[in-house]
Amino acid sequence: NAEYGAKNIPLHIAIANAGVFLEPGKTADGLETTFGVNHIGHYLLLRLLIPKLKEGSPSRVVVVSSGAHPLANLDFGDLLGEKKNISGIKNYANSKLAN
């Protein structure tokens, strides 16, 4: 955030470990909720942190997945979940495999 960005504190590591298991729904941006939080949210946050990570070089980014990934069947043509009506553990597994 802007407050952290204004401080002269080096950032050496970012760990993306969000994981929610939600009922079907959409984010404010129209993404499937579980995929939006578990995958796209990581991406957007890390994009914001890149300048601080570069300043704190050497730095590392760790993105955590899940043991549920074998249950995934990720369809890159339907990342928003509009063509197939999947929910529950399948949405969660897809979102974590994408990481």
PDB file of N, CA and C in Angstrom:
ATOM      1  N   ASN A   1       0.831  -1.190   0.000  1.00  0.00           N
ATOM      2  CA  ASN A   1       0.000   0.000   0.000  1.00  0.00           C
ATOM      3  C   ASN A   1       0.866   1.240   0.000  1.00  0.00           C
ATOM      4  N   ALA A   2       0.268   2.376  -0.138  1.00  0.00           N
ATOM      5  CA  ALA A   2       1.014   3.634  -0.240  1.00  0.00           C
ATOM      6  C   ALA A   2       1.807   3.919   1.028  1.00  0.00           C
ATOM      7  N   GLU A   3       1.265   3.559   2.179  1.00  0.00           N
ATOM      8  CA  GLU A   3       1.966   3.803   3.449  1.00  0.00           C
ATOM      9  C   GLU A   3       3.269   3.015   3.510  1.00  0.00           C
ATOM     10  N   TYR A   4       3.222   1.741   3.149  1.00  0.00           N
ATOM     11  CA  TYR A   4       4.440   0.926   3.139  1.00  0.00           C
ATOM     12  C   TYR A   4       5.402   1.452   2.080  1.00  0.00           C
ATOM     13  N   GLY A   5       4.875   1.786   0.906  1.00  0.00           N
ATOM     14  CA  GLY A   5       5.708   2.268  -0.180  1.00  0.00           C
ATOM     15  C   GLY A   5       6.484   3.525   0.170  1.00  0.00           C
ATOM     16  N   ALA A   6       5.916   4.354   1.047  1.00  0.00           N
ATOM     17  CA  ALA A   6       6.565   5.605   1.437  1.00  0.00           C
ATOM     18  C   ALA A   6       7.688   5.378   2.448  1.00  0.00           C
ATOM     19  N   LYS A   7       7.691   4.242   3.106  1.00  0.00           N
ATOM     20  CA  LYS A   7       8.719   3.941   4.100  1.00  0.00           C
ATOM     21  C   LYS A   7       9.949   3.360   3.409  1.00  0.00           C
ATOM     22  N   ASN A   8      11.080   3.593   3.968  1.00  0.00           N
ATOM     23  CA  ASN A   8      12.327   3.090   3.396  1.00  0.00           C
ATOM     24  C   ASN A   8      12.684   1.757   4.053  1.00  0.00           C
ATOM     25  N   ILE A   9      11.816   0.767   3.830  1.00  0.00           N
ATOM     26  CA  ILE A   9      12.005  -0.563   4.412  1.00  0.00           C
ATOM     27  C   ILE A   9      12.225  -1.546   3.262  1.00  0.00           C
ATOM     28  N   PRO A  10      13.361  -2.240   3.251  1.00  0.00           N
ATOM     29  CA  PRO A  10      13.584  -3.200   2.154  1.00  0.00           C
ATOM     30  C   PRO A  10      12.627  -4.387   2.246  1.00  0.00           C
ATOM     31  N   LEU A  11      12.280  -4.902   1.105  1.00  0.00           N
ATOM     32  CA  LEU A  11      11.438  -6.096   1.034  1.00  0.00           C
ATOM     33  C   LEU A  11      12.266  -7.180   0.360  1.00  0.00           C
ATOM     34  N   HIS A  12      12.557  -8.241   1.108  1.00  0.00           N
ATOM     35  CA  HIS A  12      13.413  -9.301   0.595  1.00  0.00           C
ATOM     36  C   HIS A  12      12.647 -10.548   0.189  1.00  0.00           C
ATOM     37  N   ILE A  13      11.437 -10.704   0.714  1.00  0.00           N
ATOM     38  CA  ILE A  13      10.659 -11.895   0.382  1.00  0.00           C
ATOM     39  C   ILE A  13       9.179 -11.554   0.389  1.00  0.00           C
ATOM     40  N   ALA A  14       8.456 -12.163  -0.548  1.00  0.00           N
ATOM     41  CA  ALA A  14       7.000 -12.079  -0.585  1.00  0.00           C
ATOM     42  C   ALA A  14       6.492 -13.507  -0.702  1.00  0.00           C
ATOM     43  N   ILE A  15       5.582 -13.874   0.174  1.00  0.00           N
ATOM     44  CA  ILE A  15       5.005 -15.214   0.168  1.00  0.00           C
ATOM     45  C   ILE A  15       3.514 -15.086  -0.123  1.00  0.00           C
ATOM     46  N   ALA A  16       3.083 -15.639  -1.245  1.00  0.00           N
ATOM     47  CA  ALA A  16       1.675 -15.613  -1.633  1.00  0.00           C
ATOM     48  C   ALA A  16       1.047 -16.925  -1.183  1.00  0.00           C
ATOM     49  N   ASN A  17       0.258 -16.864  -0.125  1.00  0.00           N
ATOM     50  CA  ASN A  17      -0.273 -18.072   0.483  1.00  0.00           C
ATOM     51  C   ASN A  17      -1.783 -18.009   0.690  1.00  0.00           C
ATOM     52  N   ALA A  18      -2.471 -17.120  -0.010  1.00  0.00           N
ATOM     53  CA  ALA A  18      -3.922 -17.026   0.153  1.00  0.00           C
ATOM     54  C   ALA A  18      -4.577 -18.304  -0.333  1.00  0.00           C
ATOM     55  N   GLY A  19      -5.610 -18.698   0.343  1.00  0.00           N
ATOM     56  CA  GLY A  19      -6.365 -19.863  -0.076  1.00  0.00           C
ATOM     57  C   GLY A  19      -7.748 -19.831   0.524  1.00  0.00           C
ATOM     58  N   VAL A  20      -8.732 -19.589  -0.307  1.00  0.00           N
ATOM     59  CA  VAL A  20     -10.113 -19.613   0.166  1.00  0.00           C
ATOM     60  C   VAL A  20     -10.857 -20.698  -0.580  1.00  0.00           C
ATOM     61  N   PHE A  21     -11.845 -21.217   0.065  1.00  0.00           N
ATOM     62  CA  PHE A  21     -12.705 -22.255  -0.496  1.00  0.00           C
ATOM     63  C   PHE A  21     -14.113 -21.705  -0.377  1.00  0.00           C
ATOM     64  N   LEU A  22     -14.586 -21.085  -1.472  1.00  0.00           N
ATOM     65  CA  LEU A  22     -15.845 -20.350  -1.417  1.00  0.00           C
ATOM     66  C   LEU A  22     -16.925 -20.971  -2.288  1.00  0.00           C
ATOM     67  N   GLU A  23     -18.153 -20.621  -1.962  1.00  0.00           N
ATOM     68  CA  GLU A  23     -19.273 -20.984  -2.809  1.00  0.00           C
ATOM     69  C   GLU A  23     -19.145 -20.234  -4.132  1.00  0.00           C
ATOM     70  N   PRO A  24     -19.757 -20.754  -5.190  1.00  0.00           N
ATOM     71  CA  PRO A  24     -19.675 -20.064  -6.472  1.00  0.00           C
ATOM     72  C   PRO A  24     -20.151 -18.614  -6.352  1.00  0.00           C
ATOM     73  N   GLY A  25     -19.456 -17.752  -7.018  1.00  0.00           N
ATOM     74  CA  GLY A  25     -19.796 -16.339  -7.016  1.00  0.00           C
ATOM     75  C   GLY A  25     -18.820 -15.595  -7.892  1.00  0.00           C
ATOM     76  N   LYS A  26     -18.946 -14.304  -7.930  1.00  0.00           N
ATOM     77  CA  LYS A  26     -18.084 -13.464  -8.749  1.00  0.00           C
ATOM     78  C   LYS A  26     -17.467 -12.365  -7.890  1.00  0.00           C
ATOM     79  N   THR A  27     -16.235 -12.002  -8.219  1.00  0.00           N
ATOM     80  CA  THR A  27     -15.601 -10.862  -7.568  1.00  0.00           C
ATOM     81  C   THR A  27     -16.189  -9.585  -8.163  1.00  0.00           C
ATOM     82  N   ALA A  28     -15.807  -8.449  -7.605  1.00  0.00           N
ATOM     83  CA  ALA A  28     -16.262  -7.162  -8.133  1.00  0.00           C
ATOM     84  C   ALA A  28     -15.815  -6.980  -9.584  1.00  0.00           C
ATOM     85  N   ASP A  29     -14.736  -7.673  -9.983  1.00  0.00           N
ATOM     86  CA  ASP A  29     -14.228  -7.579 -11.355  1.00  0.00           C
ATOM     87  C   ASP A  29     -14.827  -8.637 -12.279  1.00  0.00           C
ATOM     88  N   GLY A  30     -15.743  -9.455 -11.764  1.00  0.00           N
ATOM     89  CA  GLY A  30     -16.408 -10.463 -12.586  1.00  0.00           C
ATOM     90  C   GLY A  30     -15.700 -11.792 -12.682  1.00  0.00           C
ATOM     91  N   LEU A  31     -14.671 -12.000 -11.871  1.00  0.00           N
ATOM     92  CA  LEU A  31     -13.957 -13.281 -11.868  1.00  0.00           C
ATOM     93  C   LEU A  31     -14.663 -14.275 -10.956  1.00  0.00           C
ATOM     94  N   GLU A  32     -14.496 -15.550 -11.241  1.00  0.00           N
ATOM     95  CA  GLU A  32     -14.984 -16.566 -10.313  1.00  0.00           C
ATOM     96  C   GLU A  32     -14.248 -16.336  -8.994  1.00  0.00           C
ATOM     97  N   THR A  33     -14.965 -16.306  -7.886  1.00  0.00           N
ATOM     98  CA  THR A  33     -14.424 -15.844  -6.603  1.00  0.00           C
ATOM     99  C   THR A  33     -13.194 -16.619  -6.138  1.00  0.00           C
ATOM    100  N   THR A  34     -13.259 -17.928  -6.105  1.00  0.00           N
ATOM    101  CA  THR A  34     -12.139 -18.709  -5.596  1.00  0.00           C
ATOM    102  C   THR A  34     -10.894 -18.508  -6.456  1.00  0.00           C
ATOM    103  N   PHE A  35     -11.044 -18.548  -7.771  1.00  0.00           N
ATOM    104  CA  PHE A  35      -9.918 -18.329  -8.678  1.00  0.00           C
ATOM    105  C   PHE A  35      -9.394 -16.899  -8.539  1.00  0.00           C
ATOM    106  N   GLY A  36     -10.303 -15.950  -8.409  1.00  0.00           N
ATOM    107  CA  GLY A  36      -9.918 -14.544  -8.273  1.00  0.00           C
ATOM    108  C   GLY A  36      -9.061 -14.288  -7.048  1.00  0.00           C
ATOM    109  N   VAL A  37      -9.448 -14.868  -5.930  1.00  0.00           N
ATOM    110  CA  VAL A  37      -8.686 -14.667  -4.683  1.00  0.00           C
ATOM    111  C   VAL A  37      -7.401 -15.483  -4.688  1.00  0.00           C
ATOM    112  N   ASN A  38      -7.503 -16.772  -5.000  1.00  0.00           N
ATOM    113  CA  ASN A  38      -6.363 -17.685  -4.843  1.00  0.00           C
ATOM    114  C   ASN A  38      -5.289 -17.538  -5.910  1.00  0.00           C
ATOM    115  N   HIS A  39      -5.646 -17.047  -7.075  1.00  0.00           N
ATOM    116  CA  HIS A  39      -4.649 -16.941  -8.134  1.00  0.00           C
ATOM    117  C   HIS A  39      -4.458 -15.500  -8.614  1.00  0.00           C
ATOM    118  N   ILE A  40      -5.500 -14.881  -9.076  1.00  0.00           N
ATOM    119  CA  ILE A  40      -5.381 -13.524  -9.611  1.00  0.00           C
ATOM    120  C   ILE A  40      -4.978 -12.543  -8.512  1.00  0.00           C
ATOM    121  N   GLY A  41      -5.494 -12.738  -7.312  1.00  0.00           N
ATOM    122  CA  GLY A  41      -5.109 -11.869  -6.192  1.00  0.00           C
ATOM    123  C   GLY A  41      -3.619 -11.911  -5.912  1.00  0.00           C
ATOM    124  N   HIS A  42      -3.030 -13.107  -5.977  1.00  0.00           N
ATOM    125  CA  HIS A  42      -1.569 -13.238  -5.808  1.00  0.00           C
ATOM    126  C   HIS A  42      -0.847 -12.419  -6.869  1.00  0.00           C
ATOM    127  N   TYR A  43      -1.269 -12.619  -8.110  1.00  0.00           N
ATOM    128  CA  TYR A  43      -0.620 -11.941  -9.225  1.00  0.00           C
ATOM    129  C   TYR A  43      -0.668 -10.418  -9.047  1.00  0.00           C
ATOM    130  N   LEU A  44      -1.846  -9.898  -8.753  1.00  0.00           N
ATOM    131  CA  LEU A  44      -1.993  -8.442  -8.624  1.00  0.00           C
ATOM    132  C   LEU A  44      -1.167  -7.888  -7.463  1.00  0.00           C
ATOM    133  N   LEU A  45      -1.185  -8.566  -6.325  1.00  0.00           N
ATOM    134  CA  LEU A  45      -0.396  -8.111  -5.175  1.00  0.00           C
ATOM    135  C   LEU A  45       1.098  -8.127  -5.503  1.00  0.00           C
ATOM    136  N   LEU A  46       1.561  -9.214  -6.093  1.00  0.00           N
ATOM    137  CA  LEU A  46       2.993  -9.311  -6.412  1.00  0.00           C
ATOM    138  C   LEU A  46       3.413  -8.270  -7.440  1.00  0.00           C
ATOM    139  N   ARG A  47       2.538  -7.959  -8.386  1.00  0.00           N
ATOM    140  CA  ARG A  47       2.853  -6.895  -9.353  1.00  0.00           C
ATOM    141  C   ARG A  47       3.092  -5.567  -8.641  1.00  0.00           C
ATOM    142  N   LEU A  48       2.300  -5.296  -7.609  1.00  0.00           N
ATOM    143  CA  LEU A  48       2.468  -4.058  -6.845  1.00  0.00           C
ATOM    144  C   LEU A  48       3.760  -4.064  -6.028  1.00  0.00           C
ATOM    145  N   LEU A  49       4.200  -5.248  -5.630  1.00  0.00           N
ATOM    146  CA  LEU A  49       5.389  -5.357  -4.778  1.00  0.00           C
ATOM    147  C   LEU A  49       6.702  -5.429  -5.565  1.00  0.00           C
ATOM    148  N   ILE A  50       6.652  -5.603  -6.858  1.00  0.00           N
ATOM    149  CA  ILE A  50       7.879  -5.755  -7.657  1.00  0.00           C
ATOM    150  C   ILE A  50       8.879  -4.624  -7.441  1.00  0.00           C
ATOM    151  N   PRO A  51       8.474  -3.352  -7.464  1.00  0.00           N
ATOM    152  CA  PRO A  51       9.478  -2.304  -7.249  1.00  0.00           C
ATOM    153  C   PRO A  51      10.201  -2.434  -5.907  1.00  0.00           C
ATOM    154  N   LYS A  52       9.463  -2.759  -4.843  1.00  0.00           N
ATOM    155  CA  LYS A  52      10.088  -2.918  -3.520  1.00  0.00           C
ATOM    156  C   LYS A  52      10.983  -4.156  -3.484  1.00  0.00           C
ATOM    157  N   LEU A  53      10.566  -5.221  -4.157  1.00  0.00           N
ATOM    158  CA  LEU A  53      11.395  -6.424  -4.207  1.00  0.00           C
ATOM    159  C   LEU A  53      12.694  -6.152  -4.958  1.00  0.00           C
ATOM    160  N   LYS A  54      12.628  -5.368  -6.014  1.00  0.00           N
ATOM    161  CA  LYS A  54      13.846  -5.014  -6.751  1.00  0.00           C
ATOM    162  C   LYS A  54      14.767  -4.159  -5.893  1.00  0.00           C
ATOM    163  N   GLU A  55      14.188  -3.236  -5.144  1.00  0.00           N
ATOM    164  CA  GLU A  55      14.995  -2.401  -4.242  1.00  0.00           C
ATOM    165  C   GLU A  55      15.655  -3.247  -3.158  1.00  0.00           C
ATOM    166  N   GLY A  56      14.986  -4.312  -2.726  1.00  0.00           N
ATOM    167  CA  GLY A  56      15.496  -5.169  -1.661  1.00  0.00           C
ATOM    168  C   GLY A  56      16.353  -6.304  -2.157  1.00  0.00           C
ATOM    169  N   SER A  57      16.772  -6.245  -3.396  1.00  0.00           N
ATOM    170  CA  SER A  57      17.546  -7.315  -4.010  1.00  0.00           C
ATOM    171  C   SER A  57      18.806  -7.629  -3.203  1.00  0.00           C
ATOM    172  N   PRO A  58      19.135  -8.906  -3.004  1.00  0.00           N
ATOM    173  CA  PRO A  58      18.467 -10.064  -3.562  1.00  0.00           C
ATOM    174  C   PRO A  58      17.148 -10.339  -2.837  1.00  0.00           C
ATOM    175  N   SER A  59      16.156 -10.708  -3.591  1.00  0.00           N
ATOM    176  CA  SER A  59      14.840 -10.977  -3.019  1.00  0.00           C
ATOM    177  C   SER A  59      14.252 -12.221  -3.674  1.00  0.00           C
ATOM    178  N   ARG A  60      13.204 -12.732  -3.049  1.00  0.00           N
ATOM    179  CA  ARG A  60      12.562 -13.957  -3.541  1.00  0.00           C
ATOM    180  C   ARG A  60      11.055 -13.812  -3.451  1.00  0.00           C
ATOM    181  N   VAL A  61      10.368 -14.540  -4.350  1.00  0.00           N
ATOM    182  CA  VAL A  61       8.920 -14.651  -4.317  1.00  0.00           C
ATOM    183  C   VAL A  61       8.592 -16.133  -4.199  1.00  0.00           C
ATOM    184  N   VAL A  62       7.733 -16.466  -3.248  1.00  0.00           N
ATOM    185  CA  VAL A  62       7.289 -17.838  -3.050  1.00  0.00           C
ATOM    186  C   VAL A  62       5.775 -17.852  -3.228  1.00  0.00           C
ATOM    187  N   VAL A  63       5.289 -18.694  -4.130  1.00  0.00           N
ATOM    188  CA  VAL A  63       3.853 -18.839  -4.336  1.00  0.00           C
ATOM    189  C   VAL A  63       3.483 -20.257  -3.916  1.00  0.00           C
ATOM    190  N   VAL A  64       2.593 -20.353  -2.954  1.00  0.00           N
ATOM    191  CA  VAL A  64       2.221 -21.638  -2.371  1.00  0.00           C
ATOM    192  C   VAL A  64       1.036 -22.231  -3.124  1.00  0.00           C
ATOM    193  N   SER A  65       1.107 -23.509  -3.390  1.00  0.00           N
ATOM    194  CA  SER A  65       0.012 -24.215  -4.043  1.00  0.00           C
ATOM    195  C   SER A  65      -0.729 -25.035  -2.991  1.00  0.00           C
ATOM    196  N   SER A  66      -1.234 -26.189  -3.367  1.00  0.00           N
ATOM    197  CA  SER A  66      -2.008 -27.011  -2.440  1.00  0.00           C
ATOM    198  C   SER A  66      -1.908 -28.472  -2.838  1.00  0.00           C
ATOM    199  N   GLY A  67      -2.076 -29.319  -1.858  1.00  0.00           N
ATOM    200  CA  GLY A  67      -2.130 -30.753  -2.131  1.00  0.00           C
ATOM    201  C   GLY A  67      -3.366 -31.152  -2.909  1.00  0.00           C
ATOM    202  N   ALA A  68      -4.305 -30.216  -3.066  1.00  0.00           N
ATOM    203  CA  ALA A  68      -5.541 -30.495  -3.812  1.00  0.00           C
ATOM    204  C   ALA A  68      -5.324 -30.427  -5.319  1.00  0.00           C
ATOM    205  N   HIS A  69      -4.148 -30.001  -5.758  1.00  0.00           N
ATOM    206  CA  HIS A  69      -3.932 -29.804  -7.191  1.00  0.00           C
ATOM    207  C   HIS A  69      -4.178 -31.042  -8.061  1.00  0.00           C
ATOM    208  N   PRO A  70      -3.997 -32.286  -7.558  1.00  0.00           N
ATOM    209  CA  PRO A  70      -4.281 -33.429  -8.429  1.00  0.00           C
ATOM    210  C   PRO A  70      -5.758 -33.534  -8.827  1.00  0.00           C
ATOM    211  N   LEU A  71      -6.628 -32.868  -8.088  1.00  0.00           N
ATOM    212  CA  LEU A  71      -8.058 -32.909  -8.401  1.00  0.00           C
ATOM    213  C   LEU A  71      -8.440 -31.903  -9.483  1.00  0.00           C
ATOM    214  N   ALA A  72      -7.480 -31.095  -9.900  1.00  0.00           N
ATOM    215  CA  ALA A  72      -7.759 -30.021 -10.853  1.00  0.00           C
ATOM    216  C   ALA A  72      -7.899 -30.533 -12.276  1.00  0.00           C
ATOM    217  N   ASN A  73      -8.661 -29.794 -13.040  1.00  0.00           N
ATOM    218  CA  ASN A  73      -8.794 -29.993 -14.475  1.00  0.00           C
ATOM    219  C   ASN A  73      -8.899 -28.598 -15.071  1.00  0.00           C
ATOM    220  N   LEU A  74      -7.774 -27.905 -15.081  1.00  0.00           N
ATOM    221  CA  LEU A  74      -7.729 -26.497 -15.459  1.00  0.00           C
ATOM    222  C   LEU A  74      -7.972 -26.321 -16.955  1.00  0.00           C
ATOM    223  N   ASP A  75      -9.000 -25.557 -17.284  1.00  0.00           N
ATOM    224  CA  ASP A  75      -9.360 -25.265 -18.675  1.00  0.00           C
ATOM    225  C   ASP A  75      -8.969 -23.824 -18.956  1.00  0.00           C
ATOM    226  N   PHE A  76      -7.861 -23.618 -19.667  1.00  0.00           N
ATOM    227  CA  PHE A  76      -7.375 -22.268 -19.937  1.00  0.00           C
ATOM    228  C   PHE A  76      -8.333 -21.471 -20.815  1.00  0.00           C
ATOM    229  N   GLY A  77      -9.252 -22.142 -21.482  1.00  0.00           N
ATOM    230  CA  GLY A  77     -10.258 -21.458 -22.274  1.00  0.00           C
ATOM    231  C   GLY A  77     -11.462 -21.027 -21.464  1.00  0.00           C
ATOM    232  N   ASP A  78     -11.477 -21.391 -20.173  1.00  0.00           N
ATOM    233  CA  ASP A  78     -12.624 -21.067 -19.318  1.00  0.00           C
ATOM    234  C   ASP A  78     -12.160 -20.741 -17.901  1.00  0.00           C
ATOM    235  N   LEU A  79     -11.202 -19.834 -17.778  1.00  0.00           N
ATOM    236  CA  LEU A  79     -10.673 -19.495 -16.456  1.00  0.00           C
ATOM    237  C   LEU A  79     -11.702 -18.804 -15.566  1.00  0.00           C
ATOM    238  N   LEU A  80     -12.716 -18.210 -16.163  1.00  0.00           N
ATOM    239  CA  LEU A  80     -13.755 -17.550 -15.372  1.00  0.00           C
ATOM    240  C   LEU A  80     -14.854 -18.518 -14.955  1.00  0.00           C
ATOM    241  N   GLY A  81     -14.778 -19.756 -15.425  1.00  0.00           N
ATOM    242  CA  GLY A  81     -15.763 -20.756 -15.029  1.00  0.00           C
ATOM    243  C   GLY A  81     -17.137 -20.529 -15.636  1.00  0.00           C
ATOM    244  N   GLU A  82     -17.182 -19.933 -16.809  1.00  0.00           N
ATOM    245  CA  GLU A  82     -18.473 -19.620 -17.419  1.00  0.00           C
ATOM    246  C   GLU A  82     -19.010 -20.744 -18.296  1.00  0.00           C
ATOM    247  N   LYS A  83     -18.127 -21.563 -18.867  1.00  0.00           N
ATOM    248  CA  LYS A  83     -18.572 -22.631 -19.757  1.00  0.00           C
ATOM    249  C   LYS A  83     -18.972 -23.884 -18.985  1.00  0.00           C
ATOM    250  N   LYS A  84     -18.212 -24.190 -17.963  1.00  0.00           N
ATOM    251  CA  LYS A  84     -18.479 -25.372 -17.138  1.00  0.00           C
ATOM    252  C   LYS A  84     -18.949 -24.893 -15.776  1.00  0.00           C
ATOM    253  N   ASN A  85     -19.939 -25.523 -15.262  1.00  0.00           N
ATOM    254  CA  ASN A  85     -20.454 -25.154 -13.948  1.00  0.00           C
ATOM    255  C   ASN A  85     -19.786 -26.042 -12.894  1.00  0.00           C
ATOM    256  N   ILE A  86     -18.585 -25.650 -12.477  1.00  0.00           N
ATOM    257  CA  ILE A  86     -17.890 -26.407 -11.445  1.00  0.00           C
ATOM    258  C   ILE A  86     -17.869 -25.567 -10.175  1.00  0.00           C
ATOM    259  N   SER A  87     -17.740 -26.231  -9.070  1.00  0.00           N
ATOM    260  CA  SER A  87     -17.684 -25.492  -7.807  1.00  0.00           C
ATOM    261  C   SER A  87     -16.952 -26.328  -6.776  1.00  0.00           C
ATOM    262  N   GLY A  88     -16.888 -25.811  -5.578  1.00  0.00           N
ATOM    263  CA  GLY A  88     -16.305 -26.533  -4.466  1.00  0.00           C
ATOM    264  C   GLY A  88     -14.841 -26.862  -4.656  1.00  0.00           C
ATOM    265  N   ILE A  89     -14.498 -28.107  -4.376  1.00  0.00           N
ATOM    266  CA  ILE A  89     -13.110 -28.525  -4.375  1.00  0.00           C
ATOM    267  C   ILE A  89     -12.480 -28.397  -5.763  1.00  0.00           C
ATOM    268  N   LYS A  90     -13.258 -28.552  -6.830  1.00  0.00           N
ATOM    269  CA  LYS A  90     -12.714 -28.416  -8.184  1.00  0.00           C
ATOM    270  C   LYS A  90     -12.256 -26.982  -8.447  1.00  0.00           C
ATOM    271  N   ASN A  91     -13.063 -25.997  -8.049  1.00  0.00           N
ATOM    272  CA  ASN A  91     -12.648 -24.599  -8.198  1.00  0.00           C
ATOM    273  C   ASN A  91     -11.384 -24.333  -7.388  1.00  0.00           C
ATOM    274  N   TYR A  92     -11.371 -24.814  -6.167  1.00  0.00           N
ATOM    275  CA  TYR A  92     -10.209 -24.613  -5.301  1.00  0.00           C
ATOM    276  C   TYR A  92      -8.972 -25.255  -5.932  1.00  0.00           C
ATOM    277  N   ALA A  93      -9.098 -26.503  -6.365  1.00  0.00           N
ATOM    278  CA  ALA A  93      -7.969 -27.223  -6.955  1.00  0.00           C
ATOM    279  C   ALA A  93      -7.467 -26.497  -8.212  1.00  0.00           C
ATOM    280  N   ASN A  94      -8.372 -26.041  -9.059  1.00  0.00           N
ATOM    281  CA  ASN A  94      -7.973 -25.308 -10.262  1.00  0.00           C
ATOM    282  C   ASN A  94      -7.206 -24.042  -9.903  1.00  0.00           C
ATOM    283  N   SER A  95      -7.710 -23.314  -8.913  1.00  0.00           N
ATOM    284  CA  SER A  95      -7.067 -22.050  -8.538  1.00  0.00           C
ATOM    285  C   SER A  95      -5.672 -22.274  -7.962  1.00  0.00           C
ATOM    286  N   LYS A  96      -5.488 -23.338  -7.227  1.00  0.00           N
ATOM    287  CA  LYS A  96      -4.183 -23.622  -6.640  1.00  0.00           C
ATOM    288  C   LYS A  96      -3.217 -24.221  -7.665  1.00  0.00           C
ATOM    289  N   LEU A  97      -3.731 -25.008  -8.604  1.00  0.00           N
ATOM    290  CA  LEU A  97      -2.870 -25.527  -9.675  1.00  0.00           C
ATOM    291  C   LEU A  97      -2.354 -24.393 -10.533  1.00  0.00           C
ATOM    292  N   ALA A  98      -3.155 -23.379 -10.747  1.00  0.00           N
ATOM    293  CA  ALA A  98      -2.745 -22.236 -11.573  1.00  0.00           C
ATOM    294  C   ALA A  98      -1.551 -21.515 -10.955  1.00  0.00           C
ATOM    295  N   ASN A  99      -1.378 -21.625  -9.652  1.00  0.00           N
ATOM    296  CA  ASN A  99      -0.238 -20.993  -9.003  1.00  0.00           C
ATOM    297  C   ASN A  99       1.035 -21.708  -9.377  1.00  0.00           C
TER     298      ASN A  99
END
